[in-house]
């Protein structure tokens, strides 16, 4: 497992933007496929966005497609989530997750696909 630390959360008005970051001190960062999940109060944790080890493939939930962008800088051991056109329903704790498992026929997007998690960062979008 790898230790992940998220940052960049905060309070923003609807229509605004935030960029989340997730870093690790490990030396094998590019061995991990990464993802962002979020959990709103009294709701299940849900997948938001994922990115491959090389960063060449990214994928999103329908709820954020076209508004959020996931990227990674393997030289800096950091994955980002750029969130634009934020809505009140985007309010949640956002978590970074990592996995070394390779999925041949699908992309990892379920909670159980990931073995390492950060502590989360709060994002609050006011209307």
Foldseek 3Di string as FASTA:
>chain_A
DWEKAKDWADEEAAQAKTKMKIATPDPPLLLKKKFKWWDDPPGDIFTAKTAHSVRPDIDGDPVQPPFWDWGDDSVRRMIMIIGGRDDQVVWTWMKMFIDNDDDDPDDDTDPVRTDYIYPTDTHGYHD
